[in-house]
């Protein structure tokens, strides 16, 4: 005759079975959707590069090695810092787009910016992910006056953020009134990235221009 199981043991086994099934479902869902998510991320990435480099026809993605050397990589599968070189239909080099991020008011702000090695200027800026306060901090994504800071932002001098309306030189960013923290986050991310990544671009410029 089979001995009845204690109620507590049956409950433990039931919970264990439910937990196992939930784990299997979570893993299965992740495997089923991760490929689509990566594909959508790559589309957004390439569209952002095209927006920042008008006239682009071809993109080459370079991974930045710890040594400062570059290697051509495939899409978003590559890990580590990357930059995106753009070329027109005739193969002429247009510039590079660089990923960057920094902590904002609510969370990390992720962005991309266009850089012209010939002019040594930031020529465009685009937020790709953020959770800043609606109507205030999130204006770093859409405010025309703020975005105009990045049409020809001097990258040869330290990039700083100044109080709204007090910009005096080409390396300063005119902050958004009421969104100083978010504005300063943009300034920090650009300054850090420009100092660390653009020397790599300039060092490898001949190779990048040829798309090698």
N, C-alpha and C. Protein backbone atom coordinates (compact mmCIF):
# COMPACT_ATOMS: atom_id res chain seq x y z
N UNK A 1 0.84 -1.20 0.00
CA UNK A 1 0.00 0.00 0.00
C UNK A 1 0.88 1.26 0.00
N UNK A 2 0.58 2.24 -0.91
CA UNK A 2 1.39 3.44 -1.03
C UNK A 2 1.10 4.40 0.12
N UNK A 3 2.18 4.90 0.72
CA UNK A 3 2.04 5.82 1.84
C UNK A 3 1.67 7.21 1.31
N UNK A 4 0.59 7.83 1.83
CA UNK A 4 0.20 9.18 1.37
C UNK A 4 1.31 10.19 1.60
N UNK A 5 1.51 11.07 0.64
CA UNK A 5 2.53 12.11 0.78
C UNK A 5 2.01 13.24 1.68
N UNK A 6 2.87 13.77 2.50
CA UNK A 6 2.48 14.92 3.33
C UNK A 6 2.05 16.08 2.44
N UNK A 7 1.03 16.86 2.86
CA UNK A 7 0.56 18.00 2.05
C UNK A 7 1.68 18.99 1.71
N UNK A 8 2.60 19.18 2.66
CA UNK A 8 3.69 20.12 2.42
C UNK A 8 4.58 19.67 1.29
N UNK A 9 4.87 18.36 1.22
CA UNK A 9 5.73 17.83 0.17
C UNK A 9 5.06 17.92 -1.19
N UNK A 10 3.74 17.65 -1.22
CA UNK A 10 3.01 17.78 -2.49
C UNK A 10 3.04 19.22 -3.00
N UNK A 11 2.91 20.17 -2.07
CA UNK A 11 2.95 21.58 -2.46
C UNK A 11 4.32 21.97 -3.01
N UNK A 12 5.39 21.46 -2.37
CA UNK A 12 6.74 21.75 -2.83
C UNK A 12 6.95 21.21 -4.23
N UNK A 13 6.49 19.98 -4.46
CA UNK A 13 6.64 19.37 -5.78
C UNK A 13 5.83 20.13 -6.83
N UNK A 14 4.62 20.55 -6.46
CA UNK A 14 3.79 21.30 -7.39
C UNK A 14 4.44 22.62 -7.76
N UNK A 15 4.95 23.32 -6.75
CA UNK A 15 5.61 24.59 -7.02
C UNK A 15 6.86 24.40 -7.87
N UNK A 16 7.58 23.31 -7.61
CA UNK A 16 8.77 23.02 -8.41
C UNK A 16 8.42 22.78 -9.86
N UNK A 17 7.33 22.03 -10.09
CA UNK A 17 6.90 21.75 -11.46
C UNK A 17 6.47 23.03 -12.18
N UNK A 18 5.70 23.87 -11.47
CA UNK A 18 5.26 25.14 -12.06
C UNK A 18 6.45 26.03 -12.39
N UNK A 19 7.43 26.10 -11.47
CA UNK A 19 8.62 26.92 -11.70
C UNK A 19 9.39 26.42 -12.92
N UNK A 20 9.51 25.09 -13.04
CA UNK A 20 10.21 24.52 -14.18
C UNK A 20 9.51 24.86 -15.49
N UNK A 21 8.18 24.75 -15.51
CA UNK A 21 7.42 25.07 -16.72
C UNK A 21 7.56 26.55 -17.08
N UNK A 22 7.51 27.40 -16.04
CA UNK A 22 7.67 28.84 -16.30
C UNK A 22 9.04 29.14 -16.88
N UNK A 23 10.07 28.49 -16.34
CA UNK A 23 11.42 28.69 -16.84
C UNK A 23 11.55 28.27 -18.29
N UNK A 24 10.96 27.13 -18.62
CA UNK A 24 11.00 26.64 -20.00
C UNK A 24 10.29 27.61 -20.94
N UNK A 25 9.14 28.13 -20.50
CA UNK A 25 8.39 29.08 -21.33
C UNK A 25 9.17 30.37 -21.54
N UNK A 26 9.82 30.86 -20.48
CA UNK A 26 10.59 32.10 -20.59
C UNK A 26 11.75 31.92 -21.56
N UNK A 27 12.49 30.82 -21.41
CA UNK A 27 13.62 30.57 -22.30
C UNK A 27 13.15 30.40 -23.74
N UNK A 28 12.06 29.67 -23.91
CA UNK A 28 11.53 29.45 -25.26
C UNK A 28 11.10 30.75 -25.91
N UNK A 29 10.40 31.60 -25.13
CA UNK A 29 9.97 32.89 -25.67
C UNK A 29 11.15 33.76 -26.04
N UNK A 30 12.17 33.76 -25.19
CA UNK A 30 13.37 34.56 -25.47
C UNK A 30 14.05 34.09 -26.75
N UNK A 31 14.18 32.78 -26.91
CA UNK A 31 14.82 32.24 -28.12
C UNK A 31 14.00 32.56 -29.36
N UNK A 32 12.67 32.55 -29.20
CA UNK A 32 11.81 32.78 -30.35
C UNK A 32 11.78 34.24 -30.78
N UNK A 33 11.98 35.15 -29.84
CA UNK A 33 11.85 36.58 -30.15
C UNK A 33 13.18 37.32 -30.26
N UNK A 34 14.27 36.75 -29.74
CA UNK A 34 15.54 37.47 -29.72
C UNK A 34 16.04 37.81 -31.13
N UNK A 35 15.85 36.88 -32.06
CA UNK A 35 16.29 37.13 -33.43
C UNK A 35 15.54 38.29 -34.05
N UNK A 36 14.22 38.35 -33.83
CA UNK A 36 13.41 39.45 -34.37
C UNK A 36 13.81 40.77 -33.72
N UNK A 37 14.06 40.75 -32.40
CA UNK A 37 14.46 41.97 -31.70
C UNK A 37 15.78 42.49 -32.25
N UNK A 38 16.76 41.60 -32.44
CA UNK A 38 18.05 42.01 -32.98
C UNK A 38 17.91 42.58 -34.38
N UNK A 39 17.02 41.95 -35.16
CA UNK A 39 16.79 42.43 -36.53
C UNK A 39 16.20 43.84 -36.51
N UNK A 40 15.21 44.06 -35.63
CA UNK A 40 14.59 45.38 -35.53
C UNK A 40 15.59 46.42 -35.02
N UNK A 41 16.45 46.03 -34.08
CA UNK A 41 17.48 46.94 -33.57
C UNK A 41 18.44 47.35 -34.68
N UNK A 42 18.78 46.38 -35.53
CA UNK A 42 19.71 46.69 -36.62
C UNK A 42 19.07 47.65 -37.62
N UNK A 43 17.77 47.48 -37.88
CA UNK A 43 17.07 48.39 -38.78
C UNK A 43 17.08 49.81 -38.22
N UNK A 44 16.77 49.94 -36.92
CA UNK A 44 16.76 51.25 -36.27
C UNK A 44 18.16 51.88 -36.32
N UNK A 45 19.18 51.06 -36.06
CA UNK A 45 20.55 51.54 -36.08
C UNK A 45 20.92 52.09 -37.45
N UNK A 46 20.63 51.32 -38.49
CA UNK A 46 20.99 51.75 -39.85
C UNK A 46 20.19 52.97 -40.29
N UNK A 47 18.94 53.05 -39.88
CA UNK A 47 18.12 54.22 -40.21
C UNK A 47 18.66 55.46 -39.50
N UNK A 48 19.14 55.29 -38.27
CA UNK A 48 19.70 56.42 -37.51
C UNK A 48 20.98 56.92 -38.18
N UNK A 49 21.82 56.00 -38.64
CA UNK A 49 23.05 56.38 -39.34
C UNK A 49 22.71 57.14 -40.61
N UNK A 50 21.73 56.64 -41.36
CA UNK A 50 21.33 57.30 -42.61
C UNK A 50 20.76 58.70 -42.34
N UNK A 51 20.06 58.87 -41.23
CA UNK A 51 19.50 60.18 -40.88
C UNK A 51 20.61 61.17 -40.53
N UNK A 52 21.65 60.67 -39.87
CA UNK A 52 22.74 61.54 -39.42
C UNK A 52 23.73 61.86 -40.53
N UNK A 53 23.77 61.02 -41.59
CA UNK A 53 24.67 61.26 -42.71
C UNK A 53 23.84 61.34 -44.00
N UNK A 54 23.22 62.48 -44.28
CA UNK A 54 22.40 62.61 -45.49
C UNK A 54 23.18 62.27 -46.75
N UNK A 55 22.52 61.57 -47.66
CA UNK A 55 23.16 61.18 -48.91
C UNK A 55 23.87 59.86 -48.85
N UNK A 56 23.79 59.18 -47.70
CA UNK A 56 24.50 57.92 -47.54
C UNK A 56 23.88 56.83 -48.41
N UNK A 57 24.74 55.99 -48.97
CA UNK A 57 24.30 54.86 -49.78
C UNK A 57 24.86 53.54 -49.25
N UNK A 58 26.00 53.62 -48.55
CA UNK A 58 26.65 52.41 -48.04
C UNK A 58 27.18 52.67 -46.64
N UNK A 59 27.08 51.66 -45.78
CA UNK A 59 27.61 51.74 -44.43
C UNK A 59 28.59 50.61 -44.16
N UNK A 60 29.66 50.93 -43.44
CA UNK A 60 30.58 49.91 -42.96
C UNK A 60 30.71 50.09 -41.45
N UNK A 61 30.57 49.01 -40.71
CA UNK A 61 30.64 49.07 -39.25
C UNK A 61 32.01 48.58 -38.81
N UNK A 62 32.67 49.39 -37.99
CA UNK A 62 33.97 49.03 -37.45
C UNK A 62 33.87 48.83 -35.94
N UNK A 63 34.46 47.74 -35.47
CA UNK A 63 34.62 47.54 -34.04
C UNK A 63 35.95 48.13 -33.61
N UNK A 64 35.97 48.72 -32.41
CA UNK A 64 37.19 49.33 -31.90
C UNK A 64 37.85 48.37 -30.91
N UNK A 65 39.05 47.91 -31.25
CA UNK A 65 39.79 47.01 -30.39
C UNK A 65 40.38 47.78 -29.20
N UNK A 66 40.67 47.08 -28.09
CA UNK A 66 41.30 47.74 -26.94
C UNK A 66 42.62 48.43 -27.31
N UNK A 67 43.28 47.92 -28.35
CA UNK A 67 44.55 48.52 -28.79
C UNK A 67 44.34 49.81 -29.58
N UNK A 68 43.09 50.10 -29.93
CA UNK A 68 42.81 51.26 -30.76
C UNK A 68 42.73 50.94 -32.25
N UNK A 69 42.97 49.69 -32.60
CA UNK A 69 42.85 49.28 -34.00
C UNK A 69 41.39 49.03 -34.34
N UNK A 70 41.07 49.06 -35.64
CA UNK A 70 39.72 48.84 -36.10
C UNK A 70 39.59 47.50 -36.81
N UNK A 71 38.40 46.92 -36.71
CA UNK A 71 38.10 45.73 -37.50
C UNK A 71 36.67 45.83 -38.00
N UNK A 72 36.45 45.40 -39.24
CA UNK A 72 35.11 45.42 -39.80
C UNK A 72 34.29 44.33 -39.13
N UNK A 73 33.09 44.69 -38.66
CA UNK A 73 32.23 43.74 -37.96
C UNK A 73 30.87 43.68 -38.65
N UNK A 74 30.10 42.65 -38.29
CA UNK A 74 28.79 42.45 -38.90
C UNK A 74 27.68 42.86 -37.95
N UNK A 75 27.01 43.96 -38.28
CA UNK A 75 25.81 44.36 -37.58
C UNK A 75 25.93 44.47 -36.08
N UNK A 76 24.78 44.30 -35.41
CA UNK A 76 24.71 44.48 -33.97
C UNK A 76 25.20 43.26 -33.21
N UNK A 77 25.60 42.21 -33.93
CA UNK A 77 26.12 41.03 -33.25
C UNK A 77 27.45 41.31 -32.58
N UNK A 78 28.15 42.31 -33.07
CA UNK A 78 29.47 42.62 -32.53
C UNK A 78 29.35 43.25 -31.15
N UNK A 79 30.26 42.90 -30.24
CA UNK A 79 30.29 43.50 -28.93
C UNK A 79 31.32 44.60 -28.87
N UNK A 80 31.24 45.43 -27.82
CA UNK A 80 32.22 46.48 -27.66
C UNK A 80 31.87 47.73 -28.44
N UNK A 81 32.68 48.77 -28.31
CA UNK A 81 32.39 50.04 -29.00
C UNK A 81 32.50 49.91 -30.51
N UNK A 82 31.64 50.65 -31.21
CA UNK A 82 31.61 50.59 -32.67
C UNK A 82 31.49 51.99 -33.25
N UNK A 83 31.87 52.11 -34.51
CA UNK A 83 31.58 53.32 -35.26
C UNK A 83 31.12 52.92 -36.65
N UNK A 84 30.37 53.81 -37.28
CA UNK A 84 29.73 53.50 -38.56
C UNK A 84 30.20 54.50 -39.60
N UNK A 85 30.88 54.02 -40.61
CA UNK A 85 31.37 54.89 -41.68
C UNK A 85 30.35 54.91 -42.81
N UNK A 86 30.08 56.10 -43.37
CA UNK A 86 29.10 56.24 -44.43
C UNK A 86 29.70 56.73 -45.72
N UNK A 87 29.16 56.26 -46.85
CA UNK A 87 29.67 56.59 -48.18
C UNK A 87 28.48 56.86 -49.10
N UNK A 88 28.67 57.76 -50.07
CA UNK A 88 27.59 58.03 -51.02
C UNK A 88 27.61 57.00 -52.14
N UNK A 89 26.73 57.19 -53.12
CA UNK A 89 26.59 56.20 -54.20
C UNK A 89 27.85 56.06 -55.03
N UNK A 90 28.67 57.11 -55.06
CA UNK A 90 29.93 57.06 -55.82
C UNK A 90 31.08 56.52 -54.99
N UNK A 91 30.81 56.17 -53.74
CA UNK A 91 31.85 55.63 -52.88
C UNK A 91 32.62 56.68 -52.10
N UNK A 92 32.18 57.93 -52.18
CA UNK A 92 32.87 59.01 -51.46
C UNK A 92 32.54 58.95 -49.97
N UNK A 93 33.54 59.12 -49.14
CA UNK A 93 33.38 59.07 -47.69
C UNK A 93 32.64 60.31 -47.20
N UNK A 94 31.61 60.12 -46.38
CA UNK A 94 30.79 61.22 -45.89
C UNK A 94 31.07 61.58 -44.43
N UNK A 95 31.51 60.63 -43.66
CA UNK A 95 31.74 60.87 -42.24
C UNK A 95 31.48 59.60 -41.45
N UNK A 96 31.54 59.71 -40.13
CA UNK A 96 31.29 58.55 -39.28
C UNK A 96 30.20 58.88 -38.27
N UNK A 97 29.53 57.84 -37.81
CA UNK A 97 28.54 57.96 -36.74
C UNK A 97 29.03 57.11 -35.58
N UNK A 98 28.99 57.68 -34.39
CA UNK A 98 29.57 57.04 -33.20
C UNK A 98 28.49 56.88 -32.13
N UNK A 99 28.47 55.74 -31.48
CA UNK A 99 27.53 55.49 -30.39
C UNK A 99 28.08 56.07 -29.08
N UNK A 100 27.18 56.54 -28.24
CA UNK A 100 27.60 57.08 -26.95
C UNK A 100 26.44 57.02 -25.97
N UNK A 101 26.71 57.16 -24.68
CA UNK A 101 25.66 57.13 -23.67
C UNK A 101 26.16 57.75 -22.37
N UNK A 102 25.21 58.15 -21.53
CA UNK A 102 25.54 58.66 -20.20
C UNK A 102 24.27 58.69 -19.37
N UNK A 103 24.45 58.79 -18.07
CA UNK A 103 23.32 58.83 -17.15
C UNK A 103 22.61 60.17 -17.23
N UNK A 104 21.30 60.15 -17.44
CA UNK A 104 20.50 61.36 -17.46
C UNK A 104 19.79 61.56 -16.14
N UNK A 105 18.63 62.22 -16.17
CA UNK A 105 17.87 62.48 -14.95
C UNK A 105 17.19 61.21 -14.46
N UNK A 106 16.58 60.44 -15.39
CA UNK A 106 15.81 59.26 -15.00
C UNK A 106 16.56 57.95 -15.22
N UNK A 107 17.37 57.88 -16.24
CA UNK A 107 18.05 56.63 -16.59
C UNK A 107 19.15 56.97 -17.59
N UNK A 108 19.78 55.91 -18.11
CA UNK A 108 20.83 56.10 -19.10
C UNK A 108 20.24 56.58 -20.42
N UNK A 109 20.88 57.58 -21.01
CA UNK A 109 20.50 58.07 -22.33
C UNK A 109 21.47 57.48 -23.34
N UNK A 110 20.94 56.81 -24.35
CA UNK A 110 21.77 56.26 -25.42
C UNK A 110 21.56 57.09 -26.69
N UNK A 111 22.65 57.40 -27.36
CA UNK A 111 22.56 58.29 -28.52
C UNK A 111 23.62 57.93 -29.56
N UNK A 112 23.51 58.57 -30.71
CA UNK A 112 24.50 58.46 -31.77
C UNK A 112 24.78 59.87 -32.28
N UNK A 113 26.00 60.11 -32.71
CA UNK A 113 26.32 61.43 -33.28
C UNK A 113 27.20 61.28 -34.51
N UNK A 114 27.03 62.21 -35.43
CA UNK A 114 27.84 62.22 -36.65
C UNK A 114 29.07 63.08 -36.42
N UNK A 115 30.19 62.62 -36.96
CA UNK A 115 31.45 63.34 -36.81
C UNK A 115 32.12 63.48 -38.16
N UNK A 116 32.56 64.70 -38.47
CA UNK A 116 33.29 64.96 -39.71
C UNK A 116 34.77 65.07 -39.40
N UNK A 117 35.59 64.09 -39.81
CA UNK A 117 37.04 64.18 -39.58
C UNK A 117 37.67 65.37 -40.29
N UNK A 118 37.14 65.73 -41.46
CA UNK A 118 37.71 66.85 -42.22
C UNK A 118 37.53 68.17 -41.48
N UNK A 119 36.36 68.36 -40.89
CA UNK A 119 36.07 69.60 -40.16
C UNK A 119 36.38 69.48 -38.67
N UNK A 120 36.53 68.25 -38.20
CA UNK A 120 36.68 67.95 -36.77
C UNK A 120 35.53 68.58 -35.99
N UNK A 121 34.32 68.28 -36.47
CA UNK A 121 33.10 68.80 -35.86
C UNK A 121 32.09 67.68 -35.68
N UNK A 122 31.26 67.82 -34.67
CA UNK A 122 30.05 67.01 -34.55
C UNK A 122 29.02 67.67 -35.46
N UNK A 123 28.44 66.89 -36.38
CA UNK A 123 27.54 67.48 -37.37
C UNK A 123 26.10 66.98 -37.24
N UNK A 124 25.83 66.18 -36.23
CA UNK A 124 24.47 65.70 -36.02
C UNK A 124 24.39 64.89 -34.74
N UNK A 125 23.21 64.84 -34.14
CA UNK A 125 23.02 64.12 -32.88
C UNK A 125 21.62 63.54 -32.85
N UNK A 126 21.51 62.28 -32.37
CA UNK A 126 20.19 61.63 -32.32
C UNK A 126 20.11 60.73 -31.09
N UNK A 127 19.08 60.92 -30.28
CA UNK A 127 18.82 60.04 -29.14
C UNK A 127 18.13 58.78 -29.66
N UNK A 128 18.63 57.62 -29.27
CA UNK A 128 18.01 56.37 -29.71
C UNK A 128 17.26 55.67 -28.59
N UNK A 129 17.57 56.00 -27.33
CA UNK A 129 16.83 55.39 -26.22
C UNK A 129 16.99 56.27 -24.97
N UNK A 130 15.87 56.52 -24.28
CA UNK A 130 15.93 57.30 -23.04
C UNK A 130 14.62 57.17 -22.29
N UNK A 131 14.64 57.57 -21.02
CA UNK A 131 13.44 57.59 -20.19
C UNK A 131 13.36 58.90 -19.41
N UNK A 132 13.71 59.98 -20.09
CA UNK A 132 13.69 61.28 -19.43
C UNK A 132 12.26 61.80 -19.26
N UNK A 133 12.09 62.80 -18.41
CA UNK A 133 10.78 63.33 -18.07
C UNK A 133 10.06 63.87 -19.31
N UNK A 134 8.85 63.36 -19.60
CA UNK A 134 8.10 63.86 -20.76
C UNK A 134 7.86 65.37 -20.66
N UNK A 135 8.09 66.06 -21.75
CA UNK A 135 7.86 67.49 -21.80
C UNK A 135 9.01 68.34 -21.29
N UNK A 136 10.00 67.70 -20.67
CA UNK A 136 11.17 68.42 -20.17
C UNK A 136 12.43 67.77 -20.72
N UNK A 137 12.95 66.77 -19.98
CA UNK A 137 14.19 66.12 -20.41
C UNK A 137 14.11 65.46 -21.76
N UNK A 138 12.91 64.96 -22.12
CA UNK A 138 12.82 64.27 -23.41
C UNK A 138 12.90 65.22 -24.59
N UNK A 139 12.98 66.53 -24.32
CA UNK A 139 13.13 67.51 -25.41
C UNK A 139 14.52 67.45 -26.05
N UNK A 140 15.46 66.76 -25.41
CA UNK A 140 16.77 66.60 -26.05
C UNK A 140 16.66 65.80 -27.34
N UNK A 141 15.56 65.12 -27.51
CA UNK A 141 15.34 64.33 -28.72
C UNK A 141 14.75 65.14 -29.86
N UNK A 142 13.96 66.18 -29.52
CA UNK A 142 13.17 66.83 -30.57
C UNK A 142 13.24 68.35 -30.61
N UNK A 143 13.78 69.00 -29.58
CA UNK A 143 13.79 70.46 -29.56
C UNK A 143 14.70 71.01 -30.67
N UNK A 144 14.15 71.76 -31.62
CA UNK A 144 14.95 72.24 -32.77
C UNK A 144 16.14 73.10 -32.36
N UNK A 145 15.91 73.98 -31.39
CA UNK A 145 17.01 74.86 -30.94
C UNK A 145 18.13 74.05 -30.30
N UNK A 146 17.77 73.06 -29.51
CA UNK A 146 18.80 72.23 -28.88
C UNK A 146 19.56 71.43 -29.92
N UNK A 147 18.86 70.83 -30.87
CA UNK A 147 19.50 70.02 -31.89
C UNK A 147 20.37 70.85 -32.83
N UNK A 148 20.08 72.14 -32.93
CA UNK A 148 20.91 72.99 -33.78
C UNK A 148 22.32 73.16 -33.21
N UNK A 149 22.49 72.85 -31.90
CA UNK A 149 23.83 72.88 -31.31
C UNK A 149 24.80 71.95 -32.03
N UNK A 150 24.24 70.90 -32.66
CA UNK A 150 25.07 69.83 -33.20
C UNK A 150 25.21 69.87 -34.72
N UNK A 151 24.87 70.99 -35.31
CA UNK A 151 25.04 71.13 -36.75
C UNK A 151 26.50 71.39 -37.10
N UNK A 152 27.23 72.02 -36.19
CA UNK A 152 28.66 72.29 -36.41
C UNK A 152 29.31 72.54 -35.05
N UNK A 153 29.29 71.52 -34.20
CA UNK A 153 29.84 71.63 -32.85
C UNK A 153 31.33 71.34 -32.88
N UNK A 154 32.12 72.32 -32.51
CA UNK A 154 33.58 72.20 -32.53
C UNK A 154 34.05 71.09 -31.60
N UNK A 155 34.78 70.12 -32.15
CA UNK A 155 35.27 69.00 -31.36
C UNK A 155 36.75 69.10 -31.06
N UNK A 156 37.36 70.23 -31.41
CA UNK A 156 38.80 70.40 -31.14
C UNK A 156 39.04 71.02 -29.77
N UNK A 157 37.98 71.52 -29.13
CA UNK A 157 38.07 72.08 -27.79
C UNK A 157 37.10 71.33 -26.88
N UNK A 158 37.27 71.40 -25.57
CA UNK A 158 36.35 70.71 -24.66
C UNK A 158 34.90 71.13 -24.91
N UNK A 159 34.02 70.14 -25.00
CA UNK A 159 32.60 70.39 -25.21
C UNK A 159 31.95 70.63 -23.85
N UNK A 160 31.30 71.76 -23.70
CA UNK A 160 30.67 72.11 -22.43
C UNK A 160 29.22 72.52 -22.66
N UNK A 161 28.43 72.43 -21.59
CA UNK A 161 27.03 72.84 -21.63
C UNK A 161 26.88 74.13 -20.83
N UNK A 162 26.22 75.12 -21.41
CA UNK A 162 26.05 76.41 -20.74
C UNK A 162 24.57 76.72 -20.57
N UNK A 163 24.29 77.64 -19.69
CA UNK A 163 22.93 78.06 -19.43
C UNK A 163 22.26 78.53 -20.71
N UNK A 164 20.98 78.22 -20.82
CA UNK A 164 20.24 78.57 -22.03
C UNK A 164 20.38 80.06 -22.37
N UNK A 165 20.78 80.32 -23.61
CA UNK A 165 20.91 81.68 -24.08
C UNK A 165 22.27 82.31 -23.86
N UNK A 166 23.22 81.54 -23.29
CA UNK A 166 24.53 82.13 -23.00
C UNK A 166 25.66 81.54 -23.83
N UNK A 167 25.32 80.77 -24.86
CA UNK A 167 26.34 80.18 -25.72
C UNK A 167 27.14 81.27 -26.43
N UNK A 168 28.49 81.15 -26.37
CA UNK A 168 29.35 82.16 -26.97
C UNK A 168 30.34 81.59 -27.99
N UNK A 169 30.60 80.27 -27.95
CA UNK A 169 31.54 79.72 -28.93
C UNK A 169 31.05 78.38 -29.45
N UNK A 170 31.71 77.90 -30.49
CA UNK A 170 31.24 76.74 -31.24
C UNK A 170 31.41 75.41 -30.51
N UNK A 171 32.10 75.38 -29.37
CA UNK A 171 32.25 74.13 -28.63
C UNK A 171 31.29 74.05 -27.45
N UNK A 172 30.41 75.03 -27.33
CA UNK A 172 29.43 75.04 -26.23
C UNK A 172 28.07 74.55 -26.71
N UNK A 173 27.34 73.92 -25.78
CA UNK A 173 25.98 73.46 -26.04
C UNK A 173 25.03 74.31 -25.22
N UNK A 174 24.08 74.93 -25.89
CA UNK A 174 23.08 75.77 -25.22
C UNK A 174 22.03 74.84 -24.61
N UNK A 175 21.95 74.80 -23.28
CA UNK A 175 21.05 73.87 -22.58
C UNK A 175 19.58 74.23 -22.82
N UNK A 176 18.72 73.25 -22.55
CA UNK A 176 17.27 73.47 -22.61
C UNK A 176 16.81 73.96 -21.24
N UNK A 177 16.07 75.05 -21.21
CA UNK A 177 15.54 75.56 -19.95
C UNK A 177 14.62 74.52 -19.31
N UNK A 178 14.87 74.22 -18.04
CA UNK A 178 14.06 73.23 -17.34
C UNK A 178 14.53 71.81 -17.53
N UNK A 179 15.55 71.61 -18.35
CA UNK A 179 16.07 70.25 -18.59
C UNK A 179 17.59 70.28 -18.54
N UNK A 180 18.11 70.96 -17.52
CA UNK A 180 19.57 71.13 -17.42
C UNK A 180 20.29 69.81 -17.24
N UNK A 181 19.74 68.90 -16.41
CA UNK A 181 20.40 67.62 -16.14
C UNK A 181 20.52 66.79 -17.41
N UNK A 182 19.44 66.72 -18.17
CA UNK A 182 19.47 65.97 -19.43
C UNK A 182 20.42 66.61 -20.42
N UNK A 183 20.41 67.94 -20.47
CA UNK A 183 21.31 68.66 -21.39
C UNK A 183 22.76 68.40 -21.02
N UNK A 184 23.06 68.42 -19.74
CA UNK A 184 24.43 68.17 -19.30
C UNK A 184 24.86 66.74 -19.57
N UNK A 185 23.92 65.81 -19.49
CA UNK A 185 24.24 64.41 -19.81
C UNK A 185 24.68 64.29 -21.26
N UNK A 186 24.01 65.02 -22.14
CA UNK A 186 24.40 65.02 -23.56
C UNK A 186 25.80 65.59 -23.72
N UNK A 187 26.08 66.69 -23.02
CA UNK A 187 27.42 67.28 -23.10
C UNK A 187 28.49 66.34 -22.60
N UNK A 188 28.23 65.65 -21.49
CA UNK A 188 29.22 64.71 -20.93
C UNK A 188 29.49 63.56 -21.88
N UNK A 189 28.40 63.00 -22.43
CA UNK A 189 28.60 61.83 -23.29
C UNK A 189 29.37 62.20 -24.55
N UNK A 190 29.10 63.39 -25.09
CA UNK A 190 29.81 63.81 -26.30
C UNK A 190 31.28 64.11 -25.99
N UNK A 191 31.53 64.81 -24.90
CA UNK A 191 32.91 65.15 -24.54
C UNK A 191 33.74 63.89 -24.32
N UNK A 192 33.21 62.93 -23.56
CA UNK A 192 33.95 61.69 -23.30
C UNK A 192 34.18 60.90 -24.57
N UNK A 193 33.15 60.80 -25.40
CA UNK A 193 33.26 60.02 -26.62
C UNK A 193 34.21 60.68 -27.63
N UNK A 194 34.08 61.99 -27.79
CA UNK A 194 34.96 62.71 -28.72
C UNK A 194 36.42 62.53 -28.33
N UNK A 195 36.73 62.64 -27.05
CA UNK A 195 38.12 62.51 -26.61
C UNK A 195 38.66 61.09 -26.75
N UNK A 196 37.79 60.09 -26.64
CA UNK A 196 38.27 58.71 -26.69
C UNK A 196 38.18 58.06 -28.06
N UNK A 197 37.17 58.43 -28.85
CA UNK A 197 36.91 57.74 -30.13
C UNK A 197 37.45 58.50 -31.34
N UNK A 198 37.31 59.82 -31.37
CA UNK A 198 37.75 60.53 -32.58
C UNK A 198 39.26 60.40 -32.83
N UNK A 199 40.13 60.28 -31.82
CA UNK A 199 41.54 60.03 -32.13
C UNK A 199 41.73 58.71 -32.88
N UNK A 200 40.89 57.71 -32.57
CA UNK A 200 40.95 56.43 -33.29
C UNK A 200 40.54 56.63 -34.74
N UNK A 201 39.50 57.46 -34.94
CA UNK A 201 39.04 57.75 -36.31
C UNK A 201 40.14 58.44 -37.10
N UNK A 202 40.76 59.45 -36.51
CA UNK A 202 41.80 60.20 -37.22
C UNK A 202 43.02 59.33 -37.48
N UNK A 203 43.36 58.46 -36.54
CA UNK A 203 44.50 57.56 -36.72
C UNK A 203 44.27 56.60 -37.88
N UNK A 204 43.03 56.16 -38.06
CA UNK A 204 42.70 55.17 -39.10
C UNK A 204 41.95 55.79 -40.28
N UNK A 205 42.05 57.11 -40.43
CA UNK A 205 41.22 57.81 -41.40
C UNK A 205 41.44 57.34 -42.84
N UNK A 206 42.67 57.13 -43.22
CA UNK A 206 42.94 56.71 -44.60
C UNK A 206 42.26 55.37 -44.89
N UNK A 207 42.33 54.48 -43.95
CA UNK A 207 41.68 53.17 -44.14
C UNK A 207 40.17 53.31 -44.18
N UNK A 208 39.59 54.14 -43.30
CA UNK A 208 38.15 54.33 -43.25
C UNK A 208 37.67 54.95 -44.56
N UNK A 209 38.38 55.95 -45.05
CA UNK A 209 37.98 56.61 -46.28
C UNK A 209 37.92 55.63 -47.45
N UNK A 210 38.80 54.63 -47.43
CA UNK A 210 38.81 53.63 -48.50
C UNK A 210 37.85 52.48 -48.23
N UNK A 211 37.25 52.45 -47.03
CA UNK A 211 36.32 51.39 -46.68
C UNK A 211 36.98 50.04 -46.51
N UNK A 212 38.19 50.05 -45.98
CA UNK A 212 38.93 48.80 -45.82
C UNK A 212 38.85 48.26 -44.38
